[in-house]
Amino acid sequence: MTPTISIIIPIYNMEQFLGRCLDSVVNQTYTALDIILINDGSTDSSGDICNAYAQNDPRINVIHQANGGVSSARNAGLDIATGDYISFVDPDDYIELNTYETLIPYLDNNSIDILRFNAYRKSEILNQLPFKGEYSGERFEQEIVLPMVGSEKFGGMFILGVLWIHLFRRKVIEKNHIRFNKELRRCEDRLFTITAMLHSNRMFFIDSVLYHYQVNDESLSNRYDPIRWQQELIFLDDLKKAYTHVKSDPFITEANKRIKNDYTLRAVTSINNEYFTNNTNSFFKRYKNIKTIINNPNTRLSIKDIQREKSGLKGDLIIGMIKYRLILLLNLFNTLILYKNKVING
């Protein structure tokens, strides 16, 4: 039986890039596709573009909904998907024309739960990993799932959790009612990917680079987010719940150790977020925000017994200031670096 692939594309004000994305999908050399376009309340011509493509291709289903965010849009797509496998594509990206033809031979009569390939970020391969071929059972849990939850040490190997370099078996998603948390606008894709892994038995890695990720300077990761720390806490809380509900005590114990390191990692990135150039907060407001992050009970517990790789002098200083609650000094340190960068960059 020929597997069908449902391709879910959430769209919000992407008229500039949408044609390129959809051309790469509708012209796939593998044709057994269920293409789902979710127009999430766009105010530009994205909705009209979706309708035009749907008129010319019966495989396309278009959902027009009020703006609810990317998680809401992806959930709407999942709710009507009919394919054996689920693929996610972002509307400002595009895929190689032979993407699904390349992936199909590895699915092995629908016994592979997740298939992972690779992507280009500009002209560079996005996330080179040492994994190849099939992983299942205990090996899958120990070598893939646990490292996805978190590194053994702070600053250790990071496995990218983005949706669009994975093919997910829909039966796994539906049987376990896996959906996106609408409260999350950061790491919602990573949470979905890890949750799917927690419920999977077999995963396959291939080296093929099939996805083209386009760097968007306006994306959330490239600008100041005033609720970043709150979002990080929601993600980590949801992740804990996800593995606690389905895994054995030994797995939970090891995962708890790893996620403990992740609190420090996310505290550091949330502190760095305060010094994005588009943040207009005063020195005192930044001090208050950093104080909230550093004094969080999970941060205190994490930093107390942190296991970490070498991080250089700057990293050592930042970790030390967090550990000993040198909040004013940390704020001064980062403010000086911000000022220096502004001077250098004009």
C-alpha atoms as a PDB file:
ATOM      1  CA  MET A   1       0.000   0.000   0.000  1.00  0.00           C
ATOM      2  CA  THR A   2       1.309   3.451  -0.918  1.00  0.00           C
ATOM      3  CA  PRO A   3       1.571   5.689   2.172  1.00  0.00           C
ATOM      4  CA  THR A   4      -0.128   9.077   2.043  1.00  0.00           C
ATOM      5  CA  ILE A   5       1.608  12.076   3.591  1.00  0.00           C
ATOM      6  CA  SER A   6      -0.320  14.967   5.108  1.00  0.00           C
ATOM      7  CA  ILE A   7       1.617  18.234   4.789  1.00  0.00           C
ATOM      8  CA  ILE A   8       0.544  20.891   7.284  1.00  0.00           C
ATOM      9  CA  ILE A   9       1.455  24.513   6.472  1.00  0.00           C
ATOM     10  CA  PRO A  10       0.406  27.233   8.964  1.00  0.00           C
ATOM     11  CA  ILE A  11       0.234  30.637   7.269  1.00  0.00           C
ATOM     12  CA  TYR A  12       0.104  34.178   8.589  1.00  0.00           C
ATOM     13  CA  ASN A  13       0.938  37.151   6.347  1.00  0.00           C
ATOM     14  CA  MET A  14       3.404  35.295   4.133  1.00  0.00           C
ATOM     15  CA  GLU A  15       2.425  36.567   0.675  1.00  0.00           C
ATOM     16  CA  GLN A  16       6.056  37.356  -0.147  1.00  0.00           C
ATOM     17  CA  PHE A  17       7.263  33.759   0.262  1.00  0.00           C
ATOM     18  CA  LEU A  18       4.138  31.588   0.024  1.00  0.00           C
ATOM     19  CA  GLY A  19       4.273  30.935  -3.730  1.00  0.00           C
ATOM     20  CA  ARG A  20       7.806  29.551  -3.520  1.00  0.00           C
ATOM     21  CA  CYS A  21       6.820  27.288  -0.621  1.00  0.00           C
ATOM     22  CA  LEU A  22       3.653  25.951  -2.266  1.00  0.00           C
ATOM     23  CA  ASP A  23       5.377  25.400  -5.617  1.00  0.00           C
ATOM     24  CA  SER A  24       7.914  23.176  -3.867  1.00  0.00           C
ATOM     25  CA  VAL A  25       5.083  21.152  -2.320  1.00  0.00           C
ATOM     26  CA  VAL A  26       2.573  20.745  -5.173  1.00  0.00           C
ATOM     27  CA  ASN A  27       5.355  19.832  -7.618  1.00  0.00           C
ATOM     28  CA  GLN A  28       6.697  16.951  -5.532  1.00  0.00           C
ATOM     29  CA  THR A  29       7.734  13.895  -7.522  1.00  0.00           C
ATOM     30  CA  TYR A  30       5.827  11.806  -4.941  1.00  0.00           C
ATOM     31  CA  THR A  31       2.172  12.626  -5.470  1.00  0.00           C
ATOM     32  CA  ALA A  32       0.214  10.790  -2.735  1.00  0.00           C
ATOM     33  CA  LEU A  33      -0.134  13.956  -0.690  1.00  0.00           C
ATOM     34  CA  ASP A  34      -2.808  15.521   1.521  1.00  0.00           C
ATOM     35  CA  ILE A  35      -1.884  19.216   1.534  1.00  0.00           C
ATOM     36  CA  ILE A  36      -3.422  21.310   4.323  1.00  0.00           C
ATOM     37  CA  LEU A  37      -3.074  25.097   4.279  1.00  0.00           C
ATOM     38  CA  ILE A  38      -4.204  26.963   7.400  1.00  0.00           C
ATOM     39  CA  ASN A  39      -4.671  30.686   6.809  1.00  0.00           C
ATOM     40  CA  ASP A  40      -4.418  31.957  10.375  1.00  0.00           C
ATOM     41  CA  GLY A  41      -6.201  35.288   9.989  1.00  0.00           C
ATOM     42  CA  SER A  42      -3.771  36.817   7.474  1.00  0.00           C
ATOM     43  CA  THR A  43      -4.355  40.474   6.630  1.00  0.00           C
ATOM     44  CA  ASP A  44      -2.386  40.354   3.365  1.00  0.00           C
ATOM     45  CA  SER A  45      -3.121  38.294   0.241  1.00  0.00           C
ATOM     46  CA  SER A  46      -2.010  34.953   1.738  1.00  0.00           C
ATOM     47  CA  GLY A  47      -5.606  33.680   1.937  1.00  0.00           C
ATOM     48  CA  ASP A  48      -6.227  34.474  -1.733  1.00  0.00           C
ATOM     49  CA  ILE A  49      -2.990  32.722  -2.707  1.00  0.00           C
ATOM     50  CA  CYS A  50      -4.120  29.609  -0.796  1.00  0.00           C
ATOM     51  CA  ASN A  51      -7.487  29.627  -2.573  1.00  0.00           C
ATOM     52  CA  ALA A  52      -5.856  30.010  -5.981  1.00  0.00           C
ATOM     53  CA  TYR A  53      -3.611  26.989  -5.426  1.00  0.00           C
ATOM     54  CA  ALA A  54      -6.545  24.944  -4.108  1.00  0.00           C
ATOM     55  CA  GLN A  55      -8.552  25.646  -7.272  1.00  0.00           C
ATOM     56  CA  ASN A  56      -5.784  24.074  -9.341  1.00  0.00           C
ATOM     57  CA  ASP A  57      -4.954  21.089  -7.116  1.00  0.00           C
ATOM     58  CA  PRO A  58      -7.625  18.812  -5.588  1.00  0.00           C
ATOM     59  CA  ARG A  59      -5.110  17.546  -2.997  1.00  0.00           C
ATOM     60  CA  ILE A  60      -5.192  20.934  -1.246  1.00  0.00           C
ATOM     61  CA  ASN A  61      -7.538  21.698   1.638  1.00  0.00           C
ATOM     62  CA  VAL A  62      -7.658  25.300   2.879  1.00  0.00           C
ATOM     63  CA  ILE A  63      -8.758  26.327   6.360  1.00  0.00           C
ATOM     64  CA  HIS A  64      -9.468  30.015   6.978  1.00  0.00           C
ATOM     65  CA  GLN A  65      -9.582  30.846  10.676  1.00  0.00           C
ATOM     66  CA  ALA A  66      -9.313  33.837  12.991  1.00  0.00           C
ATOM     67  CA  ASN A  67      -5.754  34.479  14.115  1.00  0.00           C
ATOM     68  CA  GLY A  68      -4.962  32.078  16.931  1.00  0.00           C
ATOM     69  CA  GLY A  69      -1.222  31.582  16.579  1.00  0.00           C
ATOM     70  CA  VAL A  70       0.913  28.900  14.987  1.00  0.00           C
ATOM     71  CA  SER A  71      -0.018  26.209  17.530  1.00  0.00           C
ATOM     72  CA  SER A  72      -3.722  26.741  16.908  1.00  0.00           C
ATOM     73  CA  ALA A  73      -3.135  26.608  13.157  1.00  0.00           C
ATOM     74  CA  ARG A  74      -1.123  23.396  13.308  1.00  0.00           C
ATOM     75  CA  ASN A  75      -3.740  21.787  15.566  1.00  0.00           C
ATOM     76  CA  ALA A  76      -6.434  22.659  13.027  1.00  0.00           C
ATOM     77  CA  GLY A  77      -4.349  20.916  10.389  1.00  0.00           C
ATOM     78  CA  LEU A  78      -3.856  17.831  12.544  1.00  0.00           C
ATOM     79  CA  ASP A  79      -7.600  17.638  13.174  1.00  0.00           C
ATOM     80  CA  ILE A  80      -8.389  17.093   9.482  1.00  0.00           C
ATOM     81  CA  ALA A  81      -5.236  15.236   8.382  1.00  0.00           C
ATOM     82  CA  THR A  82      -5.861  11.850   6.761  1.00  0.00           C
ATOM     83  CA  GLY A  83      -2.359  10.757   5.757  1.00  0.00           C
ATOM     84  CA  ASP A  84      -0.380   7.850   7.138  1.00  0.00           C
ATOM     85  CA  TYR A  85       2.403  10.293   8.001  1.00  0.00           C
ATOM     86  CA  ILE A  86       2.488  13.952   9.017  1.00  0.00           C
ATOM     87  CA  SER A  87       4.953  16.495   7.637  1.00  0.00           C
ATOM     88  CA  PHE A  88       5.213  20.142   8.671  1.00  0.00           C
ATOM     89  CA  VAL A  89       6.463  22.907   6.398  1.00  0.00           C
ATOM     90  CA  ASP A  90       6.738  26.593   7.313  1.00  0.00           C
ATOM     91  CA  PRO A  91       5.410  29.022   4.667  1.00  0.00           C
ATOM     92  CA  ASP A  92       8.624  31.037   4.330  1.00  0.00           C
ATOM     93  CA  ASP A  93      10.666  27.871   3.712  1.00  0.00           C
ATOM     94  CA  TYR A  94      10.690  25.363   0.868  1.00  0.00           C
ATOM     95  CA  ILE A  95      11.610  21.736   0.206  1.00  0.00           C
ATOM     96  CA  GLU A  96      13.471  19.800  -2.462  1.00  0.00           C
ATOM     97  CA  LEU A  97      11.143  18.496  -5.178  1.00  0.00           C
ATOM     98  CA  ASN A  98      12.100  14.888  -4.442  1.00  0.00           C
ATOM     99  CA  THR A  99      11.699  15.183  -0.645  1.00  0.00           C
ATOM    100  CA  TYR A 100       8.928  12.635  -0.098  1.00  0.00           C
ATOM    101  CA  GLU A 101      10.105  10.319  -2.874  1.00  0.00           C
ATOM    102  CA  THR A 102      13.426  10.189  -0.995  1.00  0.00           C
ATOM    103  CA  LEU A 103      11.752   9.482   2.369  1.00  0.00           C
ATOM    104  CA  ILE A 104       9.161   6.860   1.374  1.00  0.00           C
ATOM    105  CA  PRO A 105      11.584   3.897   0.937  1.00  0.00           C
ATOM    106  CA  TYR A 106      12.684   4.233   4.587  1.00  0.00           C
ATOM    107  CA  LEU A 107       9.198   3.906   6.050  1.00  0.00           C
ATOM    108  CA  ASP A 108       9.313   0.096   5.937  1.00  0.00           C
ATOM    109  CA  ASN A 109       5.582  -0.706   5.728  1.00  0.00           C
ATOM    110  CA  ASN A 110       4.581   1.949   8.281  1.00  0.00           C
ATOM    111  CA  SER A 111       6.686   0.454  11.090  1.00  0.00           C
ATOM    112  CA  ILE A 112       8.894   3.548  11.460  1.00  0.00           C
ATOM    113  CA  ASP A 113       7.268   6.022  13.860  1.00  0.00           C
ATOM    114  CA  ILE A 114       9.533   9.009  13.157  1.00  0.00           C
ATOM    115  CA  LEU A 115      11.846   9.628  10.226  1.00  0.00           C
ATOM    116  CA  ARG A 116      14.421  12.407  10.527  1.00  0.00           C
ATOM    117  CA  PHE A 117      16.328  14.060   7.693  1.00  0.00           C
ATOM    118  CA  ASN A 118      18.269  17.321   7.477  1.00  0.00           C
ATOM    119  CA  ALA A 119      17.999  20.919   6.335  1.00  0.00           C
ATOM    120  CA  TYR A 120      20.022  23.794   4.971  1.00  0.00           C
ATOM    121  CA  ARG A 121      20.235  27.063   6.865  1.00  0.00           C
ATOM    122  CA  LYS A 122      21.333  29.358   4.092  1.00  0.00           C
ATOM    123  CA  SER A 123      24.071  27.220   2.528  1.00  0.00           C
ATOM    124  CA  GLU A 124      25.094  25.286   5.652  1.00  0.00           C
ATOM    125  CA  ILE A 125      23.706  22.017   6.985  1.00  0.00           C
ATOM    126  CA  LEU A 126      21.614  22.915   9.995  1.00  0.00           C
ATOM    127  CA  ASN A 127      22.241  20.310  12.686  1.00  0.00           C
ATOM    128  CA  GLN A 128      24.926  17.716  12.022  1.00  0.00           C
ATOM    129  CA  LEU A 129      24.382  14.707  14.295  1.00  0.00           C
ATOM    130  CA  PRO A 130      26.262  11.435  14.833  1.00  0.00           C
ATOM    131  CA  PHE A 131      23.076   9.362  14.427  1.00  0.00           C
ATOM    132  CA  LYS A 132      22.418   7.160  11.401  1.00  0.00           C
ATOM    133  CA  GLY A 133      19.918   4.445  10.607  1.00  0.00           C
ATOM    134  CA  GLU A 134      17.346   2.877  12.901  1.00  0.00           C
ATOM    135  CA  TYR A 135      17.010   3.333  16.667  1.00  0.00           C
ATOM    136  CA  SER A 136      14.509   1.321  18.679  1.00  0.00           C
ATOM    137  CA  GLY A 137      13.807   0.017  22.182  1.00  0.00           C
ATOM    138  CA  GLU A 138      16.292   0.792  24.952  1.00  0.00           C
ATOM    139  CA  ARG A 139      18.832   2.192  22.503  1.00  0.00           C
ATOM    140  CA  PHE A 140      16.257   4.683  21.207  1.00  0.00           C
ATOM    141  CA  GLU A 141      15.409   5.828  24.742  1.00  0.00           C
ATOM    142  CA  GLN A 142      18.995   6.158  25.952  1.00  0.00           C
ATOM    143  CA  GLU A 143      20.697   7.590  22.859  1.00  0.00           C
ATOM    144  CA  ILE A 144      17.925   9.738  21.369  1.00  0.00           C
ATOM    145  CA  VAL A 145      14.991  10.476  23.672  1.00  0.00           C
ATOM    146  CA  LEU A 146      16.927  11.304  26.842  1.00  0.00           C
ATOM    147  CA  PRO A 147      19.368  13.630  25.021  1.00  0.00           C
ATOM    148  CA  MET A 148      16.332  15.359  23.498  1.00  0.00           C
ATOM    149  CA  VAL A 149      15.000  15.982  27.014  1.00  0.00           C
ATOM    150  CA  GLY A 150      18.315  17.534  27.991  1.00  0.00           C
ATOM    151  CA  SER A 151      22.084  17.156  27.997  1.00  0.00           C
ATOM    152  CA  GLU A 152      23.940  15.276  30.710  1.00  0.00           C
ATOM    153  CA  LYS A 153      25.951  18.447  31.288  1.00  0.00           C
ATOM    154  CA  PHE A 154      25.222  22.129  30.762  1.00  0.00           C
ATOM    155  CA  GLY A 155      26.632  23.092  27.372  1.00  0.00           C
ATOM    156  CA  GLY A 156      26.585  19.506  26.089  1.00  0.00           C
ATOM    157  CA  MET A 157      25.310  18.196  22.742  1.00  0.00           C
ATOM    158  CA  PHE A 158      22.113  19.865  21.583  1.00  0.00           C
ATOM    159  CA  ILE A 159      19.697  18.002  19.299  1.00  0.00           C
ATOM    160  CA  LEU A 160      17.480  20.330  17.300  1.00  0.00           C
ATOM    161  CA  GLY A 161      13.773  19.647  17.881  1.00  0.00           C
ATOM    162  CA  VAL A 162      12.178  21.549  14.994  1.00  0.00           C
ATOM    163  CA  LEU A 163       9.184  19.888  13.347  1.00  0.00           C
ATOM    164  CA  TRP A 164      10.103  20.281   9.722  1.00  0.00           C
ATOM    165  CA  ILE A 165      12.998  17.798   9.624  1.00  0.00           C
ATOM    166  CA  HIS A 166      10.742  15.001  10.860  1.00  0.00           C
ATOM    167  CA  LEU A 167       8.076  12.780   9.376  1.00  0.00           C
ATOM    168  CA  PHE A 168       5.660  11.566  12.099  1.00  0.00           C
ATOM    169  CA  ARG A 169       3.415   8.508  11.875  1.00  0.00           C
ATOM    170  CA  ARG A 170      -0.098   9.894  12.304  1.00  0.00           C
ATOM    171  CA  LYS A 171      -1.322   6.813  14.169  1.00  0.00           C
ATOM    172  CA  VAL A 172       1.107   7.642  17.013  1.00  0.00           C
ATOM    173  CA  ILE A 173      -0.056  11.267  17.101  1.00  0.00           C
ATOM    174  CA  GLU A 174      -3.765  10.411  17.156  1.00  0.00           C
ATOM    175  CA  LYS A 175      -3.600   7.400  19.484  1.00  0.00           C
ATOM    176  CA  ASN A 176      -1.878   9.532  22.138  1.00  0.00           C
ATOM    177  CA  HIS A 177      -3.821  12.755  21.461  1.00  0.00           C
ATOM    178  CA  ILE A 178      -0.661  14.760  20.815  1.00  0.00           C
ATOM    179  CA  ARG A 179      -1.372  18.401  20.057  1.00  0.00           C
ATOM    180  CA  PHE A 180       0.380  21.763  20.401  1.00  0.00           C
ATOM    181  CA  ASN A 181      -0.020  23.793  23.590  1.00  0.00           C
ATOM    182  CA  LYS A 182      -1.700  27.032  22.472  1.00  0.00           C
ATOM    183  CA  GLU A 183      -0.157  28.872  25.453  1.00  0.00           C
ATOM    184  CA  LEU A 184       3.325  28.225  24.093  1.00  0.00           C
ATOM    185  CA  ARG A 185       4.760  30.439  21.394  1.00  0.00           C
ATOM    186  CA  ARG A 186       8.341  29.325  22.049  1.00  0.00           C
ATOM    187  CA  CYS A 187       9.602  25.720  21.926  1.00  0.00           C
ATOM    188  CA  GLU A 188       6.102  24.479  21.037  1.00  0.00           C
ATOM    189  CA  ASP A 189       7.669  22.524  18.177  1.00  0.00           C
ATOM    190  CA  ARG A 190      10.338  20.977  20.394  1.00  0.00           C
ATOM    191  CA  LEU A 191       7.717  19.908  22.938  1.00  0.00           C
ATOM    192  CA  PHE A 192       5.627  18.271  20.198  1.00  0.00           C
ATOM    193  CA  THR A 193       8.652  16.440  18.768  1.00  0.00           C
ATOM    194  CA  ILE A 194       9.812  15.114  22.144  1.00  0.00           C
ATOM    195  CA  THR A 195       6.267  14.086  23.107  1.00  0.00           C
ATOM    196  CA  ALA A 196       5.962  12.147  19.862  1.00  0.00           C
ATOM    197  CA  MET A 197       9.300  10.457  20.617  1.00  0.00           C
ATOM    198  CA  LEU A 198       8.109   9.496  24.113  1.00  0.00           C
ATOM    199  CA  HIS A 199       5.250   7.550  22.509  1.00  0.00           C
ATOM    200  CA  SER A 200       7.284   6.054  19.659  1.00  0.00           C
ATOM    201  CA  ASN A 201       9.154   2.768  19.332  1.00  0.00           C
ATOM    202  CA  ARG A 202      11.249   3.197  16.195  1.00  0.00           C
ATOM    203  CA  MET A 203      13.014   6.185  14.676  1.00  0.00           C
ATOM    204  CA  PHE A 204      15.172   6.365  11.570  1.00  0.00           C
ATOM    205  CA  PHE A 205      17.859   8.952  10.697  1.00  0.00           C
ATOM    206  CA  ILE A 206      19.015   9.710   7.161  1.00  0.00           C
ATOM    207  CA  ASP A 207      21.651  12.178   5.954  1.00  0.00           C
ATOM    208  CA  SER A 208      19.644  13.602   3.040  1.00  0.00           C
ATOM    209  CA  VAL A 209      19.354  17.395   3.141  1.00  0.00           C
ATOM    210  CA  LEU A 210      15.840  18.090   1.866  1.00  0.00           C
ATOM    211  CA  TYR A 211      14.522  21.185   3.639  1.00  0.00           C
ATOM    212  CA  HIS A 212      15.526  24.816   3.109  1.00  0.00           C
ATOM    213  CA  TYR A 213      15.141  26.878   6.265  1.00  0.00           C
ATOM    214  CA  GLN A 214      15.053  30.592   5.549  1.00  0.00           C
ATOM    215  CA  VAL A 215      16.302  32.811   8.358  1.00  0.00           C
ATOM    216  CA  ASN A 216      13.671  35.403   9.265  1.00  0.00           C
ATOM    217  CA  ASP A 217      15.084  38.461  11.023  1.00  0.00           C
ATOM    218  CA  GLU A 218      11.607  39.255  12.387  1.00  0.00           C
ATOM    219  CA  SER A 219      11.126  35.874  14.039  1.00  0.00           C
ATOM    220  CA  LEU A 220      10.621  35.580  17.794  1.00  0.00           C
ATOM    221  CA  SER A 221      14.116  34.172  18.277  1.00  0.00           C
ATOM    222  CA  ASN A 222      15.693  37.332  16.836  1.00  0.00           C
ATOM    223  CA  ARG A 223      13.943  39.974  18.951  1.00  0.00           C
ATOM    224  CA  TYR A 224      13.234  40.795  22.573  1.00  0.00           C
ATOM    225  CA  ASP A 225      10.427  38.763  24.091  1.00  0.00           C
ATOM    226  CA  PRO A 226       9.081  40.235  27.368  1.00  0.00           C
ATOM    227  CA  ILE A 227       7.549  36.906  28.452  1.00  0.00           C
ATOM    228  CA  ARG A 228      10.406  34.649  27.405  1.00  0.00           C
ATOM    229  CA  TRP A 229      11.186  33.374  30.908  1.00  0.00           C
ATOM    230  CA  GLN A 230       7.522  32.566  31.573  1.00  0.00           C
ATOM    231  CA  GLN A 231       7.411  30.681  28.273  1.00  0.00           C
ATOM    232  CA  GLU A 232      10.526  28.701  29.163  1.00  0.00           C
ATOM    233  CA  LEU A 233       8.942  27.662  32.480  1.00  0.00           C
ATOM    234  CA  ILE A 234       5.732  26.506  30.756  1.00  0.00           C
ATOM    235  CA  PHE A 235       7.790  24.457  28.295  1.00  0.00           C
ATOM    236  CA  LEU A 236       9.841  22.754  31.008  1.00  0.00           C
ATOM    237  CA  ASP A 237       6.758  22.069  33.136  1.00  0.00           C
ATOM    238  CA  ASP A 238       4.919  20.525  30.166  1.00  0.00           C
ATOM    239  CA  LEU A 239       7.966  18.478  29.234  1.00  0.00           C
ATOM    240  CA  LYS A 240       8.199  17.048  32.752  1.00  0.00           C
ATOM    241  CA  LYS A 241       4.527  16.094  32.657  1.00  0.00           C
ATOM    242  CA  ALA A 242       4.940  14.463  29.245  1.00  0.00           C
ATOM    243  CA  TYR A 243       7.663  12.003  30.263  1.00  0.00           C
ATOM    244  CA  THR A 244       6.379  11.449  33.807  1.00  0.00           C
ATOM    245  CA  HIS A 245       3.046  10.163  32.482  1.00  0.00           C
ATOM    246  CA  VAL A 246       4.480   7.541  30.138  1.00  0.00           C
ATOM    247  CA  LYS A 247       7.959   6.448  31.192  1.00  0.00           C
ATOM    248  CA  SER A 248       9.464   4.137  33.819  1.00  0.00           C
ATOM    249  CA  ASP A 249      10.987   5.325  37.095  1.00  0.00           C
ATOM    250  CA  PRO A 250      14.624   4.897  35.900  1.00  0.00           C
ATOM    251  CA  PHE A 251      13.890   7.030  32.803  1.00  0.00           C
ATOM    252  CA  ILE A 252      12.143   9.687  34.902  1.00  0.00           C
ATOM    253  CA  THR A 253      15.044   9.841  37.346  1.00  0.00           C
ATOM    254  CA  GLU A 254      17.583  10.371  34.561  1.00  0.00           C
ATOM    255  CA  ALA A 255      15.332  12.828  32.722  1.00  0.00           C
ATOM    256  CA  ASN A 256      14.899  14.887  35.904  1.00  0.00           C
ATOM    257  CA  LYS A 257      18.689  15.188  36.197  1.00  0.00           C
ATOM    258  CA  ARG A 258      18.945  16.400  32.618  1.00  0.00           C
ATOM    259  CA  ILE A 259      16.073  18.865  32.809  1.00  0.00           C
ATOM    260  CA  LYS A 260      17.670  20.299  35.924  1.00  0.00           C
ATOM    261  CA  ASN A 261      20.589  21.484  33.774  1.00  0.00           C
ATOM    262  CA  ASP A 262      18.108  22.890  31.275  1.00  0.00           C
ATOM    263  CA  TYR A 263      16.743  25.342  33.854  1.00  0.00           C
ATOM    264  CA  THR A 264      20.171  26.992  34.008  1.00  0.00           C
ATOM    265  CA  LEU A 265      20.495  26.984  30.217  1.00  0.00           C
ATOM    266  CA  ARG A 266      17.103  28.659  29.831  1.00  0.00           C
ATOM    267  CA  ALA A 267      17.858  31.108  32.635  1.00  0.00           C
ATOM    268  CA  VAL A 268      21.006  32.173  30.758  1.00  0.00           C
ATOM    269  CA  THR A 269      19.179  32.578  27.433  1.00  0.00           C
ATOM    270  CA  SER A 270      16.352  34.491  29.148  1.00  0.00           C
ATOM    271  CA  ILE A 271      18.876  36.831  30.767  1.00  0.00           C
ATOM    272  CA  ASN A 272      20.574  37.337  27.382  1.00  0.00           C
ATOM    273  CA  ASN A 273      17.147  38.142  25.958  1.00  0.00           C
ATOM    274  CA  GLU A 274      17.080  41.245  28.188  1.00  0.00           C
ATOM    275  CA  TYR A 275      19.953  42.709  26.163  1.00  0.00           C
ATOM    276  CA  PHE A 276      18.504  42.386  22.664  1.00  0.00           C
ATOM    277  CA  THR A 277      18.923  45.735  20.950  1.00  0.00           C
ATOM    278  CA  ASN A 278      15.164  46.253  20.477  1.00  0.00           C
ATOM    279  CA  ASN A 279      14.553  46.044  24.239  1.00  0.00           C
ATOM    280  CA  THR A 280      13.787  49.543  25.511  1.00  0.00           C
ATOM    281  CA  ASN A 281      13.605  48.567  29.192  1.00  0.00           C
ATOM    282  CA  SER A 282      15.496  50.759  31.638  1.00  0.00           C
ATOM    283  CA  PHE A 283      18.546  49.535  33.540  1.00  0.00           C
ATOM    284  CA  PHE A 284      16.374  49.132  36.660  1.00  0.00           C
ATOM    285  CA  LYS A 285      13.656  47.179  34.792  1.00  0.00           C
ATOM    286  CA  ARG A 286      16.273  44.796  33.418  1.00  0.00           C
ATOM    287  CA  TYR A 287      17.637  44.383  36.949  1.00  0.00           C
ATOM    288  CA  LYS A 288      14.170  43.422  38.214  1.00  0.00           C
ATOM    289  CA  ASN A 289      13.617  40.938  35.395  1.00  0.00           C
ATOM    290  CA  ILE A 290      17.015  39.299  35.939  1.00  0.00           C
ATOM    291  CA  LYS A 291      16.351  39.114  39.673  1.00  0.00           C
ATOM    292  CA  THR A 292      13.107  37.224  38.991  1.00  0.00           C
ATOM    293  CA  ILE A 293      14.938  34.719  36.802  1.00  0.00           C
ATOM    294  CA  ILE A 294      17.867  34.157  39.143  1.00  0.00           C
ATOM    295  CA  ASN A 295      15.710  33.835  42.281  1.00  0.00           C
ATOM    296  CA  ASN A 296      13.325  31.329  40.734  1.00  0.00           C
ATOM    297  CA  PRO A 297      13.390  28.138  42.891  1.00  0.00           C
ATOM    298  CA  ASN A 298      14.114  25.960  39.846  1.00  0.00           C
ATOM    299  CA  THR A 299      17.063  28.149  38.860  1.00  0.00           C
ATOM    300  CA  ARG A 300      18.451  27.977  42.399  1.00  0.00           C
ATOM    301  CA  LEU A 301      18.132  24.195  42.502  1.00  0.00           C
ATOM    302  CA  SER A 302      19.654  23.814  39.042  1.00  0.00           C
ATOM    303  CA  ILE A 303      22.639  26.121  39.548  1.00  0.00           C
ATOM    304  CA  LYS A 304      23.496  24.599  42.930  1.00  0.00           C
ATOM    305  CA  ASP A 305      24.626  21.240  41.546  1.00  0.00           C
ATOM    306  CA  ILE A 306      25.201  22.105  37.903  1.00  0.00           C
ATOM    307  CA  GLN A 307      27.260  19.722  35.790  1.00  0.00           C
ATOM    308  CA  ARG A 308      28.745  21.525  32.802  1.00  0.00           C
ATOM    309  CA  GLU A 309      31.152  21.424  29.917  1.00  0.00           C
ATOM    310  CA  LYS A 310      33.867  24.060  29.519  1.00  0.00           C
ATOM    311  CA  SER A 311      32.215  27.346  28.534  1.00  0.00           C
ATOM    312  CA  GLY A 312      35.036  29.884  28.332  1.00  0.00           C
ATOM    313  CA  LEU A 313      35.761  32.883  30.550  1.00  0.00           C
ATOM    314  CA  LYS A 314      32.570  34.782  29.714  1.00  0.00           C
ATOM    315  CA  GLY A 315      30.444  31.698  30.356  1.00  0.00           C
ATOM    316  CA  ASP A 316      32.226  31.044  33.659  1.00  0.00           C
ATOM    317  CA  LEU A 317      31.603  34.618  34.768  1.00  0.00           C
ATOM    318  CA  ILE A 318      27.902  34.521  33.911  1.00  0.00           C
ATOM    319  CA  ILE A 319      27.356  31.162  35.636  1.00  0.00           C
ATOM    320  CA  GLY A 320      29.241  32.430  38.692  1.00  0.00           C
ATOM    321  CA  MET A 321      27.156  35.613  38.883  1.00  0.00           C
ATOM    322  CA  ILE A 322      23.936  33.604  38.624  1.00  0.00           C
ATOM    323  CA  LYS A 323      25.103  31.105  41.233  1.00  0.00           C
ATOM    324  CA  TYR A 324      26.056  33.758  43.783  1.00  0.00           C
ATOM    325  CA  ARG A 325      23.146  36.093  42.898  1.00  0.00           C
ATOM    326  CA  LEU A 326      25.396  38.949  41.786  1.00  0.00           C
ATOM    327  CA  ILE A 327      22.460  40.531  39.994  1.00  0.00           C
ATOM    328  CA  LEU A 328      23.674  44.123  39.855  1.00  0.00           C
ATOM    329  CA  LEU A 329      27.110  43.049  38.636  1.00  0.00           C
ATOM    330  CA  LEU A 330      25.559  40.803  35.972  1.00  0.00           C
ATOM    331  CA  ASN A 331      23.357  43.654  34.781  1.00  0.00           C
ATOM    332  CA  LEU A 332      26.366  46.004  34.588  1.00  0.00           C
ATOM    333  CA  PHE A 333      28.457  43.358  32.810  1.00  0.00           C
ATOM    334  CA  ASN A 334      25.862  42.729  30.104  1.00  0.00           C
ATOM    335  CA  THR A 335      25.004  46.420  29.731  1.00  0.00           C
ATOM    336  CA  LEU A 336      28.656  47.202  29.043  1.00  0.00           C
ATOM    337  CA  ILE A 337      28.839  44.437  26.430  1.00  0.00           C
ATOM    338  CA  LEU A 338      25.654  45.779  24.804  1.00  0.00           C
ATOM    339  CA  TYR A 339      27.067  49.308  24.739  1.00  0.00           C
ATOM    340  CA  LYS A 340      30.375  48.081  23.299  1.00  0.00           C
ATOM    341  CA  ASN A 341      28.576  46.207  20.509  1.00  0.00           C
ATOM    342  CA  LYS A 342      26.500  49.278  19.671  1.00  0.00           C
ATOM    343  CA  VAL A 343      29.652  51.377  19.366  1.00  0.00           C
ATOM    344  CA  ILE A 344      31.392  48.788  17.176  1.00  0.00           C
ATOM    345  CA  ASN A 345      28.355  48.343  14.931  1.00  0.00           C
ATOM    346  CA  GLY A 346      27.731  52.060  14.671  1.00  0.00           C
END
